[in-house]
């Protein structure tokens, strides 16, 4: 799905110079599927990697990634440690 969107952007010639990504909902995604939150975070990182690779291929020059807010420090210590590793 994401690769199809990137193909359309490339073909249109209207490639943005800067793209920002806000990572949100990975833990909820896992919880809805009965999976550990850490697995949701890992899957989110896989998606971000794929997106960054595709964006680079599409010619996007600058990417901003918002991945951790100050509120995230209030999560359980084990979860924070997993996110920081």
N, C-alpha and C. Protein backbone atom coordinates (compact mmCIF):
# COMPACT_ATOMS: atom_id res chain seq x y z
N UNK A 1 0.83 -1.19 0.00
CA UNK A 1 0.00 0.00 0.00
C UNK A 1 0.87 1.25 0.00
N UNK A 2 1.82 1.34 0.92
CA UNK A 2 2.69 2.51 0.98
C UNK A 2 3.53 2.61 -0.28
N UNK A 3 3.98 1.47 -0.81
CA UNK A 3 4.80 1.50 -2.02
C UNK A 3 3.99 2.01 -3.21
N UNK A 4 2.70 1.69 -3.26
CA UNK A 4 1.84 2.19 -4.33
C UNK A 4 1.72 3.71 -4.25
N UNK A 5 1.58 4.23 -3.04
CA UNK A 5 1.50 5.69 -2.87
C UNK A 5 2.80 6.35 -3.30
N UNK A 6 3.92 5.75 -2.91
CA UNK A 6 5.21 6.32 -3.30
C UNK A 6 5.39 6.28 -4.81
N UNK A 7 4.94 5.21 -5.45
CA UNK A 7 5.01 5.13 -6.91
C UNK A 7 4.21 6.26 -7.55
N UNK A 8 3.02 6.53 -7.02
CA UNK A 8 2.19 7.62 -7.57
C UNK A 8 2.89 8.96 -7.40
N UNK A 9 3.53 9.17 -6.24
CA UNK A 9 4.25 10.43 -6.00
C UNK A 9 5.39 10.57 -7.00
N UNK A 10 6.15 9.50 -7.16
CA UNK A 10 7.28 9.53 -8.10
C UNK A 10 6.80 9.83 -9.52
N UNK A 11 5.74 9.16 -9.94
CA UNK A 11 5.24 9.34 -11.30
C UNK A 11 4.68 10.74 -11.52
N UNK A 12 4.10 11.32 -10.48
CA UNK A 12 3.51 12.66 -10.63
C UNK A 12 4.59 13.73 -10.73
N UNK A 13 5.78 13.43 -10.21
CA UNK A 13 6.85 14.42 -10.20
C UNK A 13 6.67 15.46 -9.11
N UNK A 14 5.65 15.31 -8.29
CA UNK A 14 5.36 16.27 -7.22
C UNK A 14 5.85 15.71 -5.88
N UNK A 15 7.15 15.55 -5.75
CA UNK A 15 7.75 14.96 -4.56
C UNK A 15 7.98 16.05 -3.51
N UNK A 16 7.44 15.87 -2.31
CA UNK A 16 7.68 16.88 -1.27
C UNK A 16 9.14 16.88 -0.86
N UNK A 17 9.63 18.02 -0.42
CA UNK A 17 11.01 18.14 0.05
C UNK A 17 11.15 17.61 1.47
N UNK A 18 10.11 17.79 2.28
CA UNK A 18 10.16 17.45 3.71
C UNK A 18 8.89 16.71 4.10
N UNK A 19 9.06 15.59 4.80
CA UNK A 19 7.93 14.82 5.31
C UNK A 19 8.15 14.60 6.80
N UNK A 20 7.10 14.79 7.60
CA UNK A 20 7.17 14.54 9.04
C UNK A 20 6.28 13.35 9.38
N UNK A 21 6.77 12.51 10.29
CA UNK A 21 6.02 11.34 10.75
C UNK A 21 5.86 11.44 12.26
N UNK A 22 4.64 11.27 12.74
CA UNK A 22 4.37 11.20 14.17
C UNK A 22 4.01 9.76 14.49
N UNK A 23 4.87 9.11 15.26
CA UNK A 23 4.61 7.72 15.64
C UNK A 23 3.63 7.72 16.81
N UNK A 24 2.49 7.08 16.60
CA UNK A 24 1.48 7.04 17.65
C UNK A 24 0.62 5.80 17.43
N UNK A 25 0.31 5.12 18.50
CA UNK A 25 -0.65 4.03 18.43
C UNK A 25 -0.06 2.64 18.29
N UNK A 26 1.25 2.50 18.34
CA UNK A 26 1.84 1.17 18.20
C UNK A 26 1.45 0.25 19.35
N UNK A 27 1.45 0.80 20.56
CA UNK A 27 1.05 0.01 21.72
C UNK A 27 -0.42 -0.38 21.66
N UNK A 28 -1.27 0.57 21.24
CA UNK A 28 -2.71 0.28 21.10
C UNK A 28 -2.94 -0.77 20.01
N UNK A 29 -2.19 -0.66 18.93
CA UNK A 29 -2.30 -1.64 17.84
C UNK A 29 -2.05 -3.04 18.38
N UNK A 30 -0.99 -3.19 19.17
CA UNK A 30 -0.65 -4.50 19.73
C UNK A 30 -1.73 -4.97 20.71
N UNK A 31 -2.17 -4.06 21.57
CA UNK A 31 -3.18 -4.42 22.57
C UNK A 31 -4.46 -4.91 21.92
N UNK A 32 -4.89 -4.25 20.85
CA UNK A 32 -6.12 -4.65 20.14
C UNK A 32 -6.00 -6.06 19.57
N UNK A 33 -4.77 -6.50 19.36
CA UNK A 33 -4.54 -7.84 18.80
C UNK A 33 -4.12 -8.85 19.85
N UNK A 34 -4.15 -8.43 21.12
CA UNK A 34 -3.78 -9.31 22.21
C UNK A 34 -2.28 -9.59 22.27
N UNK A 35 -1.49 -8.66 21.75
CA UNK A 35 -0.03 -8.82 21.70
C UNK A 35 0.64 -7.91 22.72
N UNK A 36 1.87 -8.20 23.11
CA UNK A 36 2.60 -7.31 24.03
C UNK A 36 2.87 -5.95 23.38
N UNK A 37 2.81 -4.90 24.20
CA UNK A 37 3.06 -3.54 23.69
C UNK A 37 4.42 -3.43 23.01
N UNK A 38 5.44 -4.11 23.56
CA UNK A 38 6.78 -4.04 22.97
C UNK A 38 6.76 -4.54 21.52
N UNK A 39 5.94 -5.55 21.25
CA UNK A 39 5.83 -6.05 19.88
C UNK A 39 5.23 -4.97 18.97
N UNK A 40 4.26 -4.24 19.48
CA UNK A 40 3.68 -3.14 18.72
C UNK A 40 4.72 -2.09 18.39
N UNK A 41 5.58 -1.78 19.35
CA UNK A 41 6.64 -0.80 19.12
C UNK A 41 7.63 -1.31 18.07
N UNK A 42 7.97 -2.60 18.14
CA UNK A 42 8.90 -3.17 17.15
C UNK A 42 8.29 -3.13 15.75
N UNK A 43 7.01 -3.48 15.66
CA UNK A 43 6.34 -3.45 14.36
C UNK A 43 6.26 -2.02 13.82
N UNK A 44 6.05 -1.06 14.72
CA UNK A 44 6.05 0.35 14.32
C UNK A 44 7.39 0.77 13.74
N UNK A 45 8.47 0.30 14.35
CA UNK A 45 9.81 0.63 13.84
C UNK A 45 10.03 0.01 12.46
N UNK A 46 9.53 -1.20 12.26
CA UNK A 46 9.66 -1.81 10.94
C UNK A 46 8.95 -0.95 9.89
N UNK A 47 7.76 -0.48 10.23
CA UNK A 47 7.01 0.37 9.30
C UNK A 47 7.74 1.66 9.01
N UNK A 48 8.33 2.25 10.06
CA UNK A 48 9.07 3.50 9.87
C UNK A 48 10.28 3.26 8.96
N UNK A 49 11.00 2.17 9.19
CA UNK A 49 12.16 1.87 8.33
C UNK A 49 11.73 1.75 6.87
N UNK A 50 10.66 1.00 6.63
CA UNK A 50 10.17 0.83 5.26
C UNK A 50 9.77 2.17 4.66
N UNK A 51 9.12 3.00 5.46
CA UNK A 51 8.68 4.30 4.99
C UNK A 51 9.87 5.19 4.65
N UNK A 52 10.88 5.19 5.52
CA UNK A 52 12.08 6.00 5.27
C UNK A 52 12.79 5.53 4.01
N UNK A 53 12.93 4.22 3.85
CA UNK A 53 13.57 3.69 2.64
C UNK A 53 12.79 4.09 1.39
N UNK A 54 11.48 3.97 1.45
CA UNK A 54 10.65 4.34 0.31
C UNK A 54 10.70 5.83 0.02
N UNK A 55 10.71 6.63 1.08
CA UNK A 55 10.77 8.08 0.91
C UNK A 55 12.10 8.48 0.27
N UNK A 56 13.17 7.83 0.69
CA UNK A 56 14.48 8.11 0.10
C UNK A 56 14.47 7.76 -1.38
N UNK A 57 13.91 6.60 -1.71
CA UNK A 57 13.80 6.18 -3.12
C UNK A 57 12.96 7.16 -3.93
N UNK A 58 11.94 7.73 -3.29
CA UNK A 58 11.05 8.67 -3.98
C UNK A 58 11.69 10.03 -4.18
N UNK A 59 12.81 10.28 -3.49
CA UNK A 59 13.50 11.55 -3.65
C UNK A 59 13.20 12.56 -2.57
N UNK A 60 12.56 12.14 -1.50
CA UNK A 60 12.30 13.06 -0.39
C UNK A 60 13.62 13.31 0.32
N UNK A 61 13.97 14.56 0.50
CA UNK A 61 15.28 14.94 1.01
C UNK A 61 15.35 15.03 2.53
N UNK A 62 14.26 15.45 3.18
CA UNK A 62 14.27 15.69 4.62
C UNK A 62 13.11 14.95 5.27
N UNK A 63 13.40 14.26 6.37
CA UNK A 63 12.35 13.59 7.13
C UNK A 63 12.51 13.95 8.60
N UNK A 64 11.39 14.23 9.25
CA UNK A 64 11.35 14.49 10.68
C UNK A 64 10.53 13.38 11.31
N UNK A 65 11.04 12.82 12.40
CA UNK A 65 10.36 11.72 13.08
C UNK A 65 10.14 12.10 14.54
N UNK A 66 8.86 12.18 14.94
CA UNK A 66 8.51 12.43 16.34
C UNK A 66 8.13 11.09 16.93
N UNK A 67 8.99 10.58 17.81
CA UNK A 67 8.80 9.21 18.29
C UNK A 67 8.59 9.09 19.78
N UNK A 68 8.90 10.12 20.54
CA UNK A 68 8.84 9.98 22.00
C UNK A 68 8.54 11.34 22.62
N UNK A 69 7.42 11.44 23.32
CA UNK A 69 7.05 12.70 23.97
C UNK A 69 7.45 12.67 25.44
N UNK A 70 7.39 13.81 26.08
CA UNK A 70 7.72 13.87 27.51
C UNK A 70 6.77 13.02 28.33
N UNK A 71 5.51 12.87 27.87
CA UNK A 71 4.56 12.03 28.60
C UNK A 71 4.98 10.55 28.59
N UNK A 72 5.73 10.16 27.57
CA UNK A 72 6.16 8.76 27.48
C UNK A 72 7.07 8.35 28.63
N UNK A 73 7.72 9.31 29.28
CA UNK A 73 8.57 8.98 30.43
C UNK A 73 7.73 8.43 31.59
N UNK A 74 6.41 8.67 31.57
CA UNK A 74 5.53 8.17 32.63
C UNK A 74 5.10 6.71 32.42
N UNK A 75 5.50 6.11 31.34
CA UNK A 75 5.17 4.71 31.08
C UNK A 75 5.98 3.81 32.02
N UNK A 76 5.60 2.54 32.12
CA UNK A 76 6.38 1.63 32.96
C UNK A 76 7.86 1.62 32.54
N UNK A 77 8.74 1.55 33.53
CA UNK A 77 10.18 1.63 33.27
C UNK A 77 10.65 0.60 32.24
N UNK A 78 10.09 -0.60 32.31
CA UNK A 78 10.48 -1.66 31.37
C UNK A 78 10.13 -1.26 29.93
N UNK A 79 8.97 -0.65 29.76
CA UNK A 79 8.55 -0.22 28.41
C UNK A 79 9.45 0.89 27.90
N UNK A 80 9.76 1.87 28.76
CA UNK A 80 10.65 2.97 28.36
C UNK A 80 12.01 2.41 27.98
N UNK A 81 12.54 1.49 28.80
CA UNK A 81 13.85 0.90 28.51
C UNK A 81 13.83 0.19 27.16
N UNK A 82 12.74 -0.51 26.86
CA UNK A 82 12.62 -1.20 25.58
C UNK A 82 12.60 -0.20 24.43
N UNK A 83 11.90 0.91 24.60
CA UNK A 83 11.84 1.93 23.56
C UNK A 83 13.19 2.59 23.32
N UNK A 84 13.98 2.71 24.37
CA UNK A 84 15.27 3.39 24.27
C UNK A 84 16.39 2.47 23.78
N UNK A 85 16.12 1.17 23.74
CA UNK A 85 17.20 0.24 23.33
C UNK A 85 17.23 0.05 21.83
